[in-house]
Amino acid sequence: VKLIYETKYYSHLGNYVGGSSGSILCSDKEIYGDAGCLANPGNLFLAWNMRADDGRLVGTGAYIARLHLKVVVGKKTATNITRDLLWGVRRGGNNGINLGDILNEKKKK
């Protein structure tokens, strides 16, 4: 089983930001471990490092992700799809929430 992917990312205005392409085999141990993709049947995960092609981090805003996926089993193409998705990116000094702090504040009141 082989996953062939191509990703393209655009700003909300339609300007090209970056993209990548490649392929992943079900037997890639560095991705799936010794068990291969059978350890996680039916699920595939791709992630964006939120960087433009020149290496800089993208800014806060809405981005359009165009994903083209092709799954090949043996010599037969099982899936060949293209999807457009809308993703939001938030940048800032503190993007996380510490739930312990919130719970402690409620206890004080």
PDB file of N, CA and C in Angstrom:
ATOM      1  N   VAL A   1       0.851  -1.169   0.000  1.00  0.00           N
ATOM      2  CA  VAL A   1       0.000   0.000   0.000  1.00  0.00           C
ATOM      3  C   VAL A   1       0.896   1.230   0.000  1.00  0.00           C
ATOM      4  N   LYS A   2       0.576   2.158  -0.876  1.00  0.00           N
ATOM      5  CA  LYS A   2       1.372   3.376  -1.007  1.00  0.00           C
ATOM      6  C   LYS A   2       0.448   4.587  -1.047  1.00  0.00           C
ATOM      7  N   LEU A   3       0.767   5.598  -0.248  1.00  0.00           N
ATOM      8  CA  LEU A   3       0.048   6.866  -0.247  1.00  0.00           C
ATOM      9  C   LEU A   3       0.911   7.882  -0.972  1.00  0.00           C
ATOM     10  N   ILE A   4       0.370   8.478  -2.018  1.00  0.00           N
ATOM     11  CA  ILE A   4       1.061   9.541  -2.751  1.00  0.00           C
ATOM     12  C   ILE A   4       0.283  10.826  -2.476  1.00  0.00           C
ATOM     13  N   TYR A   5       0.988  11.859  -2.023  1.00  0.00           N
ATOM     14  CA  TYR A   5       0.294  13.090  -1.649  1.00  0.00           C
ATOM     15  C   TYR A   5       0.957  14.317  -2.266  1.00  0.00           C
ATOM     16  N   GLU A   6       0.143  15.335  -2.447  1.00  0.00           N
ATOM     17  CA  GLU A   6       0.624  16.650  -2.842  1.00  0.00           C
ATOM     18  C   GLU A   6      -0.214  17.663  -2.074  1.00  0.00           C
ATOM     19  N   THR A   7       0.464  18.582  -1.404  1.00  0.00           N
ATOM     20  CA  THR A   7      -0.237  19.616  -0.656  1.00  0.00           C
ATOM     21  C   THR A   7       0.169  20.980  -1.187  1.00  0.00           C
ATOM     22  N   LYS A   8      -0.782  21.893  -1.215  1.00  0.00           N
ATOM     23  CA  LYS A   8      -0.530  23.287  -1.571  1.00  0.00           C
ATOM     24  C   LYS A   8      -1.295  24.143  -0.579  1.00  0.00           C
ATOM     25  N   TYR A   9      -0.649  25.195  -0.103  1.00  0.00           N
ATOM     26  CA  TYR A   9      -1.256  26.077   0.882  1.00  0.00           C
ATOM     27  C   TYR A   9      -1.323  27.490   0.321  1.00  0.00           C
ATOM     28  N   TYR A  10      -2.483  28.126   0.534  1.00  0.00           N
ATOM     29  CA  TYR A  10      -2.729  29.465   0.029  1.00  0.00           C
ATOM     30  C   TYR A  10      -3.243  30.348   1.167  1.00  0.00           C
ATOM     31  N   SER A  11      -2.952  31.641   1.075  1.00  0.00           N
ATOM     32  CA  SER A  11      -3.536  32.582   2.031  1.00  0.00           C
ATOM     33  C   SER A  11      -5.031  32.703   1.736  1.00  0.00           C
ATOM     34  N   HIS A  12      -5.762  33.347   2.626  1.00  0.00           N
ATOM     35  CA  HIS A  12      -7.198  33.503   2.405  1.00  0.00           C
ATOM     36  C   HIS A  12      -7.487  34.358   1.167  1.00  0.00           C
ATOM     37  N   LEU A  13      -6.483  35.075   0.660  1.00  0.00           N
ATOM     38  CA  LEU A  13      -6.640  35.865  -0.561  1.00  0.00           C
ATOM     39  C   LEU A  13      -6.281  35.075  -1.817  1.00  0.00           C
ATOM     40  N   GLY A  14      -5.828  33.829  -1.622  1.00  0.00           N
ATOM     41  CA  GLY A  14      -5.503  32.985  -2.759  1.00  0.00           C
ATOM     42  C   GLY A  14      -4.044  33.026  -3.177  1.00  0.00           C
ATOM     43  N   ASN A  15      -3.187  33.706  -2.410  1.00  0.00           N
ATOM     44  CA  ASN A  15      -1.763  33.751  -2.728  1.00  0.00           C
ATOM     45  C   ASN A  15      -1.083  32.463  -2.275  1.00  0.00           C
ATOM     46  N   TYR A  16      -0.261  31.893  -3.152  1.00  0.00           N
ATOM     47  CA  TYR A  16       0.444  30.646  -2.832  1.00  0.00           C
ATOM     48  C   TYR A  16       1.428  30.902  -1.694  1.00  0.00           C
ATOM     49  N   VAL A  17       1.425  30.018  -0.698  1.00  0.00           N
ATOM     50  CA  VAL A  17       2.313  30.134   0.458  1.00  0.00           C
ATOM     51  C   VAL A  17       3.374  29.034   0.430  1.00  0.00           C
ATOM     52  N   GLY A  18       2.965  27.812   0.183  1.00  0.00           N
ATOM     53  CA  GLY A  18       3.913  26.702   0.196  1.00  0.00           C
ATOM     54  C   GLY A  18       3.229  25.407  -0.132  1.00  0.00           C
ATOM     55  N   GLY A  19       4.004  24.343  -0.079  1.00  0.00           N
ATOM     56  CA  GLY A  19       3.444  23.034  -0.349  1.00  0.00           C
ATOM     57  C   GLY A  19       4.524  21.976  -0.305  1.00  0.00           C
ATOM     58  N   SER A  20       4.095  20.749  -0.461  1.00  0.00           N
ATOM     59  CA  SER A  20       5.033  19.632  -0.487  1.00  0.00           C
ATOM     60  C   SER A  20       4.373  18.461  -1.194  1.00  0.00           C
ATOM     61  N   SER A  21       5.198  17.467  -1.505  1.00  0.00           N
ATOM     62  CA  SER A  21       4.671  16.246  -2.112  1.00  0.00           C
ATOM     63  C   SER A  21       5.597  15.104  -1.744  1.00  0.00           C
ATOM     64  N   GLY A  22       5.081  13.912  -1.877  1.00  0.00           N
ATOM     65  CA  GLY A  22       5.877  12.738  -1.560  1.00  0.00           C
ATOM     66  C   GLY A  22       5.020  11.499  -1.535  1.00  0.00           C
ATOM     67  N   SER A  23       5.599  10.439  -1.002  1.00  0.00           N
ATOM     68  CA  SER A  23       4.859   9.190  -0.885  1.00  0.00           C
ATOM     69  C   SER A  23       5.264   8.485   0.396  1.00  0.00           C
ATOM     70  N   ILE A  24       4.343   7.700   0.920  1.00  0.00           N
ATOM     71  CA  ILE A  24       4.556   6.930   2.147  1.00  0.00           C
ATOM     72  C   ILE A  24       4.122   5.498   1.859  1.00  0.00           C
ATOM     73  N   LEU A  25       4.998   4.553   2.169  1.00  0.00           N
ATOM     74  CA  LEU A  25       4.663   3.142   2.027  1.00  0.00           C
ATOM     75  C   LEU A  25       4.128   2.608   3.348  1.00  0.00           C
ATOM     76  N   CYS A  26       3.242   1.650   3.281  1.00  0.00           N
ATOM     77  CA  CYS A  26       2.696   1.015   4.476  1.00  0.00           C
ATOM     78  C   CYS A  26       3.795   0.345   5.290  1.00  0.00           C
ATOM     79  N   SER A  27       4.878  -0.015   4.625  1.00  0.00           N
ATOM     80  CA  SER A  27       5.980  -0.700   5.298  1.00  0.00           C
ATOM     81  C   SER A  27       7.056   0.248   5.836  1.00  0.00           C
ATOM     82  N   ASP A  28       6.863   1.574   5.767  1.00  0.00           N
ATOM     83  CA  ASP A  28       7.855   2.532   6.264  1.00  0.00           C
ATOM     84  C   ASP A  28       7.932   2.455   7.786  1.00  0.00           C
ATOM     85  N   LYS A  29       8.977   1.808   8.288  1.00  0.00           N
ATOM     86  CA  LYS A  29       9.119   1.609   9.732  1.00  0.00           C
ATOM     87  C   LYS A  29       9.356   2.913  10.477  1.00  0.00           C
ATOM     88  N   GLU A  30      10.028   3.887   9.850  1.00  0.00           N
ATOM     89  CA  GLU A  30      10.276   5.167  10.528  1.00  0.00           C
ATOM     90  C   GLU A  30       8.996   5.971  10.731  1.00  0.00           C
ATOM     91  N   ILE A  31       7.948   5.632  10.017  1.00  0.00           N
ATOM     92  CA  ILE A  31       6.655   6.315  10.180  1.00  0.00           C
ATOM     93  C   ILE A  31       5.712   5.490  11.044  1.00  0.00           C
ATOM     94  N   TYR A  32       5.579   4.203  10.738  1.00  0.00           N
ATOM     95  CA  TYR A  32       4.580   3.361  11.396  1.00  0.00           C
ATOM     96  C   TYR A  32       5.153   2.416  12.450  1.00  0.00           C
ATOM     97  N   GLY A  33       6.466   2.267  12.520  1.00  0.00           N
ATOM     98  CA  GLY A  33       7.049   1.300  13.448  1.00  0.00           C
ATOM     99  C   GLY A  33       7.111  -0.074  12.814  1.00  0.00           C
ATOM    100  N   ASP A  34       7.473  -1.056  13.610  1.00  0.00           N
ATOM    101  CA  ASP A  34       7.671  -2.416  13.100  1.00  0.00           C
ATOM    102  C   ASP A  34       6.383  -3.056  12.585  1.00  0.00           C
ATOM    103  N   ALA A  35       5.236  -2.673  13.141  1.00  0.00           N
ATOM    104  CA  ALA A  35       3.967  -3.284  12.742  1.00  0.00           C
ATOM    105  C   ALA A  35       3.464  -2.762  11.394  1.00  0.00           C
ATOM    106  N   GLY A  36       4.054  -1.681  10.894  1.00  0.00           N
ATOM    107  CA  GLY A  36       3.580  -1.098   9.647  1.00  0.00           C
ATOM    108  C   GLY A  36       2.257  -0.371   9.857  1.00  0.00           C
ATOM    109  N   CYS A  37       1.600  -0.034   8.771  1.00  0.00           N
ATOM    110  CA  CYS A  37       0.356   0.733   8.867  1.00  0.00           C
ATOM    111  C   CYS A  37      -0.809  -0.094   9.404  1.00  0.00           C
ATOM    112  N   LEU A  38      -0.634  -1.411   9.532  1.00  0.00           N
ATOM    113  CA  LEU A  38      -1.706  -2.258  10.060  1.00  0.00           C
ATOM    114  C   LEU A  38      -1.974  -1.979  11.538  1.00  0.00           C
ATOM    115  N   ALA A  39      -1.014  -1.355  12.240  1.00  0.00           N
ATOM    116  CA  ALA A  39      -1.208  -1.016  13.653  1.00  0.00           C
ATOM    117  C   ALA A  39      -2.220   0.115  13.817  1.00  0.00           C
ATOM    118  N   ASN A  40      -2.497   0.846  12.741  1.00  0.00           N
ATOM    119  CA  ASN A  40      -3.432   1.967  12.786  1.00  0.00           C
ATOM    120  C   ASN A  40      -4.323   1.913  11.542  1.00  0.00           C
ATOM    121  N   PRO A  41      -5.139   0.871  11.411  1.00  0.00           N
ATOM    122  CA  PRO A  41      -5.883   0.661  10.171  1.00  0.00           C
ATOM    123  C   PRO A  41      -6.904   1.762   9.885  1.00  0.00           C
ATOM    124  N   GLY A  42      -6.950   2.157   8.621  1.00  0.00           N
ATOM    125  CA  GLY A  42      -7.959   3.116   8.182  1.00  0.00           C
ATOM    126  C   GLY A  42      -7.649   4.564   8.475  1.00  0.00           C
ATOM    127  N   ASN A  43      -6.504   4.867   9.080  1.00  0.00           N
ATOM    128  CA  ASN A  43      -6.176   6.247   9.419  1.00  0.00           C
ATOM    129  C   ASN A  43      -4.842   6.653   8.810  1.00  0.00           C
ATOM    130  N   LEU A  44      -4.834   7.795   8.156  1.00  0.00           N
ATOM    131  CA  LEU A  44      -3.626   8.387   7.612  1.00  0.00           C
ATOM    132  C   LEU A  44      -3.532   9.812   8.145  1.00  0.00           C
ATOM    133  N   PHE A  45      -2.335  10.255   8.460  1.00  0.00           N
ATOM    134  CA  PHE A  45      -2.164  11.585   9.022  1.00  0.00           C
ATOM    135  C   PHE A  45      -1.085  12.349   8.261  1.00  0.00           C
ATOM    136  N   LEU A  46      -1.411  13.540   7.824  1.00  0.00           N
ATOM    137  CA  LEU A  46      -0.449  14.464   7.232  1.00  0.00           C
ATOM    138  C   LEU A  46      -0.501  15.742   8.054  1.00  0.00           C
ATOM    139  N   ALA A  47       0.640  16.358   8.264  1.00  0.00           N
ATOM    140  CA  ALA A  47       0.691  17.590   9.053  1.00  0.00           C
ATOM    141  C   ALA A  47       1.434  18.666   8.280  1.00  0.00           C
ATOM    142  N   TRP A  48       1.082  19.922   8.513  1.00  0.00           N
ATOM    143  CA  TRP A  48       1.755  21.070   7.916  1.00  0.00           C
ATOM    144  C   TRP A  48       2.611  21.707   9.000  1.00  0.00           C
ATOM    145  N   ASN A  49       3.858  22.007   8.693  1.00  0.00           N
ATOM    146  CA  ASN A  49       4.737  22.649   9.677  1.00  0.00           C
ATOM    147  C   ASN A  49       4.482  24.149   9.781  1.00  0.00           C
ATOM    148  N   MET A  50       3.488  24.646   9.076  1.00  0.00           N
ATOM    149  CA  MET A  50       3.057  26.046   9.073  1.00  0.00           C
ATOM    150  C   MET A  50       4.187  26.991   8.684  1.00  0.00           C
ATOM    151  N   ARG A  51       4.941  26.560   7.670  1.00  0.00           N
ATOM    152  CA  ARG A  51       6.025  27.369   7.123  1.00  0.00           C
ATOM    153  C   ARG A  51       5.803  27.581   5.628  1.00  0.00           C
ATOM    154  N   ALA A  52       6.181  28.765   5.166  1.00  0.00           N
ATOM    155  CA  ALA A  52       6.142  29.060   3.739  1.00  0.00           C
ATOM    156  C   ALA A  52       7.305  28.333   3.063  1.00  0.00           C
ATOM    157  N   ASP A  53       7.315  28.320   1.748  1.00  0.00           N
ATOM    158  CA  ASP A  53       8.385  27.637   1.019  1.00  0.00           C
ATOM    159  C   ASP A  53       9.768  28.215   1.323  1.00  0.00           C
ATOM    160  N   ASP A  54       9.835  29.497   1.713  1.00  0.00           N
ATOM    161  CA  ASP A  54      11.139  30.095   2.029  1.00  0.00           C
ATOM    162  C   ASP A  54      11.594  29.804   3.464  1.00  0.00           C
ATOM    163  N   GLY A  55      10.802  29.027   4.227  1.00  0.00           N
ATOM    164  CA  GLY A  55      11.193  28.610   5.567  1.00  0.00           C
ATOM    165  C   GLY A  55      10.635  29.440   6.714  1.00  0.00           C
ATOM    166  N   ARG A  56      10.068  30.596   6.414  1.00  0.00           N
ATOM    167  CA  ARG A  56       9.552  31.426   7.514  1.00  0.00           C
ATOM    168  C   ARG A  56       8.179  30.931   7.964  1.00  0.00           C
ATOM    169  N   LEU A  57       7.884  31.165   9.237  1.00  0.00           N
ATOM    170  CA  LEU A  57       6.579  30.794   9.780  1.00  0.00           C
ATOM    171  C   LEU A  57       5.496  31.674   9.173  1.00  0.00           C
ATOM    172  N   VAL A  58       4.347  31.097   8.876  1.00  0.00           N
ATOM    173  CA  VAL A  58       3.236  31.887   8.348  1.00  0.00           C
ATOM    174  C   VAL A  58       2.597  32.671   9.486  1.00  0.00           C
ATOM    175  N   GLY A  59       1.924  33.732   9.156  1.00  0.00           N
ATOM    176  CA  GLY A  59       1.290  34.577  10.159  1.00  0.00           C
ATOM    177  C   GLY A  59      -0.091  34.087  10.542  1.00  0.00           C
ATOM    178  N   THR A  60      -0.645  34.730  11.554  1.00  0.00           N
ATOM    179  CA  THR A  60      -2.008  34.437  11.987  1.00  0.00           C
ATOM    180  C   THR A  60      -2.969  34.696  10.833  1.00  0.00           C
ATOM    181  N   GLY A  61      -3.916  33.802  10.662  1.00  0.00           N
ATOM    182  CA  GLY A  61      -4.910  34.007   9.621  1.00  0.00           C
ATOM    183  C   GLY A  61      -5.514  32.715   9.136  1.00  0.00           C
ATOM    184  N   ALA A  62      -6.338  32.859   8.130  1.00  0.00           N
ATOM    185  CA  ALA A  62      -7.006  31.712   7.513  1.00  0.00           C
ATOM    186  C   ALA A  62      -6.209  31.281   6.294  1.00  0.00           C
ATOM    187  N   TYR A  63      -6.080  29.982   6.111  1.00  0.00           N
ATOM    188  CA  TYR A  63      -5.330  29.422   4.992  1.00  0.00           C
ATOM    189  C   TYR A  63      -6.165  28.347   4.314  1.00  0.00           C
ATOM    190  N   ILE A  64      -5.982  28.236   3.029  1.00  0.00           N
ATOM    191  CA  ILE A  64      -6.658  27.217   2.237  1.00  0.00           C
ATOM    192  C   ILE A  64      -5.635  26.121   1.949  1.00  0.00           C
ATOM    193  N   ALA A  65      -5.981  24.905   2.287  1.00  0.00           N
ATOM    194  CA  ALA A  65      -5.109  23.763   2.035  1.00  0.00           C
ATOM    195  C   ALA A  65      -5.742  22.907   0.945  1.00  0.00           C
ATOM    196  N   ARG A  66      -5.018  22.686  -0.116  1.00  0.00           N
ATOM    197  CA  ARG A  66      -5.478  21.781  -1.170  1.00  0.00           C
ATOM    198  C   ARG A  66      -4.669  20.499  -1.046  1.00  0.00           C
ATOM    199  N   LEU A  67      -5.366  19.406  -0.766  1.00  0.00           N
ATOM    200  CA  LEU A  67      -4.731  18.107  -0.579  1.00  0.00           C
ATOM    201  C   LEU A  67      -5.134  17.188  -1.725  1.00  0.00           C
ATOM    202  N   HIS A  68      -4.141  16.636  -2.393  1.00  0.00           N
ATOM    203  CA  HIS A  68      -4.411  15.628  -3.418  1.00  0.00           C
ATOM    204  C   HIS A  68      -3.816  14.321  -2.904  1.00  0.00           C
ATOM    205  N   LEU A  69      -4.650  13.311  -2.740  1.00  0.00           N
ATOM    206  CA  LEU A  69      -4.239  12.017  -2.197  1.00  0.00           C
ATOM    207  C   LEU A  69      -4.546  10.910  -3.192  1.00  0.00           C
ATOM    208  N   LYS A  70      -3.591  10.020  -3.313  1.00  0.00           N
ATOM    209  CA  LYS A  70      -3.775   8.848  -4.162  1.00  0.00           C
ATOM    210  C   LYS A  70      -3.274   7.647  -3.368  1.00  0.00           C
ATOM    211  N   VAL A  71      -4.117   6.639  -3.223  1.00  0.00           N
ATOM    212  CA  VAL A  71      -3.740   5.414  -2.530  1.00  0.00           C
ATOM    213  C   VAL A  71      -3.660   4.308  -3.567  1.00  0.00           C
ATOM    214  N   VAL A  72      -2.480   3.673  -3.616  1.00  0.00           N
ATOM    215  CA  VAL A  72      -2.239   2.606  -4.586  1.00  0.00           C
ATOM    216  C   VAL A  72      -2.025   1.304  -3.825  1.00  0.00           C
ATOM    217  N   VAL A  73      -2.795   0.292  -4.199  1.00  0.00           N
ATOM    218  CA  VAL A  73      -2.662  -1.045  -3.613  1.00  0.00           C
ATOM    219  C   VAL A  73      -2.186  -1.961  -4.730  1.00  0.00           C
ATOM    220  N   GLY A  74      -0.945  -2.422  -4.590  1.00  0.00           N
ATOM    221  CA  GLY A  74      -0.351  -3.204  -5.676  1.00  0.00           C
ATOM    222  C   GLY A  74      -0.165  -2.301  -6.882  1.00  0.00           C
ATOM    223  N   LYS A  75      -0.817  -2.632  -7.980  1.00  0.00           N
ATOM    224  CA  LYS A  75      -0.759  -1.791  -9.189  1.00  0.00           C
ATOM    225  C   LYS A  75      -2.078  -1.056  -9.427  1.00  0.00           C
ATOM    226  N   LYS A  76      -3.035  -1.213  -8.507  1.00  0.00           N
ATOM    227  CA  LYS A  76      -4.366  -0.635  -8.686  1.00  0.00           C
ATOM    228  C   LYS A  76      -4.528   0.618  -7.819  1.00  0.00           C
ATOM    229  N   THR A  77      -5.070   1.678  -8.397  1.00  0.00           N
ATOM    230  CA  THR A  77      -5.363   2.894  -7.647  1.00  0.00           C
ATOM    231  C   THR A  77      -6.679   2.705  -6.907  1.00  0.00           C
ATOM    232  N   ALA A  78      -6.615   2.703  -5.572  1.00  0.00           N
ATOM    233  CA  ALA A  78      -7.808   2.499  -4.751  1.00  0.00           C
ATOM    234  C   ALA A  78      -8.547   3.817  -4.520  1.00  0.00           C
ATOM    235  N   THR A  79      -7.811   4.919  -4.388  1.00  0.00           N
ATOM    236  CA  THR A  79      -8.398   6.229  -4.133  1.00  0.00           C
ATOM    237  C   THR A  79      -7.583   7.285  -4.852  1.00  0.00           C
ATOM    238  N   ASN A  80      -8.284   8.264  -5.419  1.00  0.00           N
ATOM    239  CA  ASN A  80      -7.642   9.392  -6.075  1.00  0.00           C
ATOM    240  C   ASN A  80      -8.544  10.601  -5.861  1.00  0.00           C
ATOM    241  N   ILE A  81      -8.247  11.401  -4.825  1.00  0.00           N
ATOM    242  CA  ILE A  81      -9.143  12.503  -4.459  1.00  0.00           C
ATOM    243  C   ILE A  81      -8.367  13.803  -4.256  1.00  0.00           C
ATOM    244  N   THR A  82      -9.083  14.902  -4.422  1.00  0.00           N
ATOM    245  CA  THR A  82      -8.561  16.237  -4.115  1.00  0.00           C
ATOM    246  C   THR A  82      -9.573  16.915  -3.201  1.00  0.00           C
ATOM    247  N   ARG A  83      -9.081  17.501  -2.116  1.00  0.00           N
ATOM    248  CA  ARG A  83      -9.947  18.184  -1.152  1.00  0.00           C
ATOM    249  C   ARG A  83      -9.371  19.557  -0.837  1.00  0.00           C
ATOM    250  N   ASP A  84     -10.248  20.535  -0.724  1.00  0.00           N
ATOM    251  CA  ASP A  84      -9.865  21.871  -0.268  1.00  0.00           C
ATOM    252  C   ASP A  84     -10.392  22.056   1.143  1.00  0.00           C
ATOM    253  N   LEU A  85      -9.516  22.491   2.033  1.00  0.00           N
ATOM    254  CA  LEU A  85      -9.870  22.677   3.437  1.00  0.00           C
ATOM    255  C   LEU A  85      -9.505  24.079   3.877  1.00  0.00           C
ATOM    256  N   LEU A  86     -10.228  24.618   4.829  1.00  0.00           N
ATOM    257  CA  LEU A  86      -9.943  25.929   5.398  1.00  0.00           C
ATOM    258  C   LEU A  86      -9.351  25.720   6.782  1.00  0.00           C
ATOM    259  N   TRP A  87      -8.140  26.218   6.992  1.00  0.00           N
ATOM    260  CA  TRP A  87      -7.444  26.059   8.269  1.00  0.00           C
ATOM    261  C   TRP A  87      -7.160  27.420   8.869  1.00  0.00           C
ATOM    262  N   GLY A  88      -7.222  27.504  10.182  1.00  0.00           N
ATOM    263  CA  GLY A  88      -6.873  28.726  10.889  1.00  0.00           C
ATOM    264  C   GLY A  88      -5.551  28.559  11.614  1.00  0.00           C
ATOM    265  N   VAL A  89      -4.720  29.599  11.563  1.00  0.00           N
ATOM    266  CA  VAL A  89      -3.438  29.600  12.258  1.00  0.00           C
ATOM    267  C   VAL A  89      -3.443  30.784  13.211  1.00  0.00           C
ATOM    268  N   ARG A  90      -3.044  30.540  14.445  1.00  0.00           N
ATOM    269  CA  ARG A  90      -2.973  31.613  15.439  1.00  0.00           C
ATOM    270  C   ARG A  90      -1.553  31.666  15.977  1.00  0.00           C
ATOM    271  N   ARG A  91      -0.949  32.815  15.875  1.00  0.00           N
ATOM    272  CA  ARG A  91       0.391  33.035  16.396  1.00  0.00           C
ATOM    273  C   ARG A  91       0.288  33.984  17.580  1.00  0.00           C
ATOM    274  N   GLY A  92       1.188  33.844  18.512  1.00  0.00           N
ATOM    275  CA  GLY A  92       1.210  34.749  19.651  1.00  0.00           C
ATOM    276  C   GLY A  92       2.172  34.244  20.698  1.00  0.00           C
ATOM    277  N   GLY A  93       2.375  35.044  21.733  1.00  0.00           N
ATOM    278  CA  GLY A  93       3.299  34.680  22.790  1.00  0.00           C
ATOM    279  C   GLY A  93       2.824  33.505  23.605  1.00  0.00           C
ATOM    280  N   ASN A  94       1.510  33.367  23.783  1.00  0.00           N
ATOM    281  CA  ASN A  94       0.981  32.287  24.616  1.00  0.00           C
ATOM    282  C   ASN A  94      -0.208  31.671  23.898  1.00  0.00           C
ATOM    283  N   ASN A  95       0.041  30.582  23.201  1.00  0.00           N
ATOM    284  CA  ASN A  95      -1.027  29.899  22.472  1.00  0.00           C
ATOM    285  C   ASN A  95      -1.664  28.782  23.278  1.00  0.00           C
ATOM    286  N   GLY A  96      -1.116  28.505  24.463  1.00  0.00           N
ATOM    287  CA  GLY A  96      -1.636  27.401  25.263  1.00  0.00           C
ATOM    288  C   GLY A  96      -2.463  27.898  26.432  1.00  0.00           C
ATOM    289  N   ILE A  97      -3.233  27.017  26.984  1.00  0.00           N
ATOM    290  CA  ILE A  97      -4.041  27.312  28.162  1.00  0.00           C
ATOM    291  C   ILE A  97      -3.620  26.350  29.256  1.00  0.00           C
ATOM    292  N   ASN A  98      -3.314  26.883  30.422  1.00  0.00           N
ATOM    293  CA  ASN A  98      -2.968  26.053  31.559  1.00  0.00           C
ATOM    294  C   ASN A  98      -4.234  25.881  32.391  1.00  0.00           C
ATOM    295  N   LEU A  99      -4.850  24.715  32.293  1.00  0.00           N
ATOM    296  CA  LEU A  99      -6.107  24.475  32.993  1.00  0.00           C
ATOM    297  C   LEU A  99      -5.919  24.484  34.502  1.00  0.00           C
ATOM    298  N   GLY A 100      -4.732  24.139  34.970  1.00  0.00           N
ATOM    299  CA  GLY A 100      -4.471  24.179  36.405  1.00  0.00           C
ATOM    300  C   GLY A 100      -4.628  25.587  36.961  1.00  0.00           C
ATOM    301  N   ASP A 101      -4.145  26.598  36.252  1.00  0.00           N
ATOM    302  CA  ASP A 101      -4.278  27.989  36.682  1.00  0.00           C
ATOM    303  C   ASP A 101      -5.742  28.419  36.729  1.00  0.00           C
ATOM    304  N   ILE A 102      -6.505  28.016  35.728  1.00  0.00           N
ATOM    305  CA  ILE A 102      -7.927  28.379  35.676  1.00  0.00           C
ATOM    306  C   ILE A 102      -8.679  27.751  36.846  1.00  0.00           C
ATOM    307  N   LEU A 103      -8.427  26.483  37.115  1.00  0.00           N
ATOM    308  CA  LEU A 103      -9.109  25.795  38.208  1.00  0.00           C
ATOM    309  C   LEU A 103      -8.718  26.405  39.573  1.00  0.00           C
ATOM    310  N   ASN A 104      -7.449  26.764  39.750  1.00  0.00           N
ATOM    311  CA  ASN A 104      -7.008  27.392  40.997  1.00  0.00           C
ATOM    312  C   ASN A 104      -7.658  28.742  41.211  1.00  0.00           C
ATOM    313  N   GLU A 105      -7.856  29.516  40.152  1.00  0.00           N
ATOM    314  CA  GLU A 105      -8.508  30.828  40.262  1.00  0.00           C
ATOM    315  C   GLU A 105      -9.958  30.660  40.714  1.00  0.00           C
ATOM    316  N   LYS A 106     -10.640  29.641  40.192  1.00  0.00           N
ATOM    317  CA  LYS A 106     -12.037  29.407  40.574  1.00  0.00           C
ATOM    318  C   LYS A 106     -12.137  29.004  42.049  1.00  0.00           C
ATOM    319  N   LYS A 107     -11.166  28.232  42.528  1.00  0.00           N
ATOM    320  CA  LYS A 107     -11.174  27.812  43.922  1.00  0.00           C
ATOM    321  C   LYS A 107     -10.984  29.001  44.867  1.00  0.00           C
ATOM    322  N   LYS A 108     -10.196  30.002  44.455  1.00  0.00           N
ATOM    323  CA  LYS A 108      -9.939  31.175  45.271  1.00  0.00           C
ATOM    324  C   LYS A 108     -11.188  32.033  45.434  1.00  0.00           C
ATOM    325  N   LYS A 109     -12.059  32.019  44.448  1.00  0.00           N
ATOM    326  CA  LYS A 109     -13.263  32.868  44.477  1.00  0.00           C
ATOM    327  C   LYS A 109     -14.304  32.238  45.292  1.00  0.00           C
TER     328      LYS A 109
END
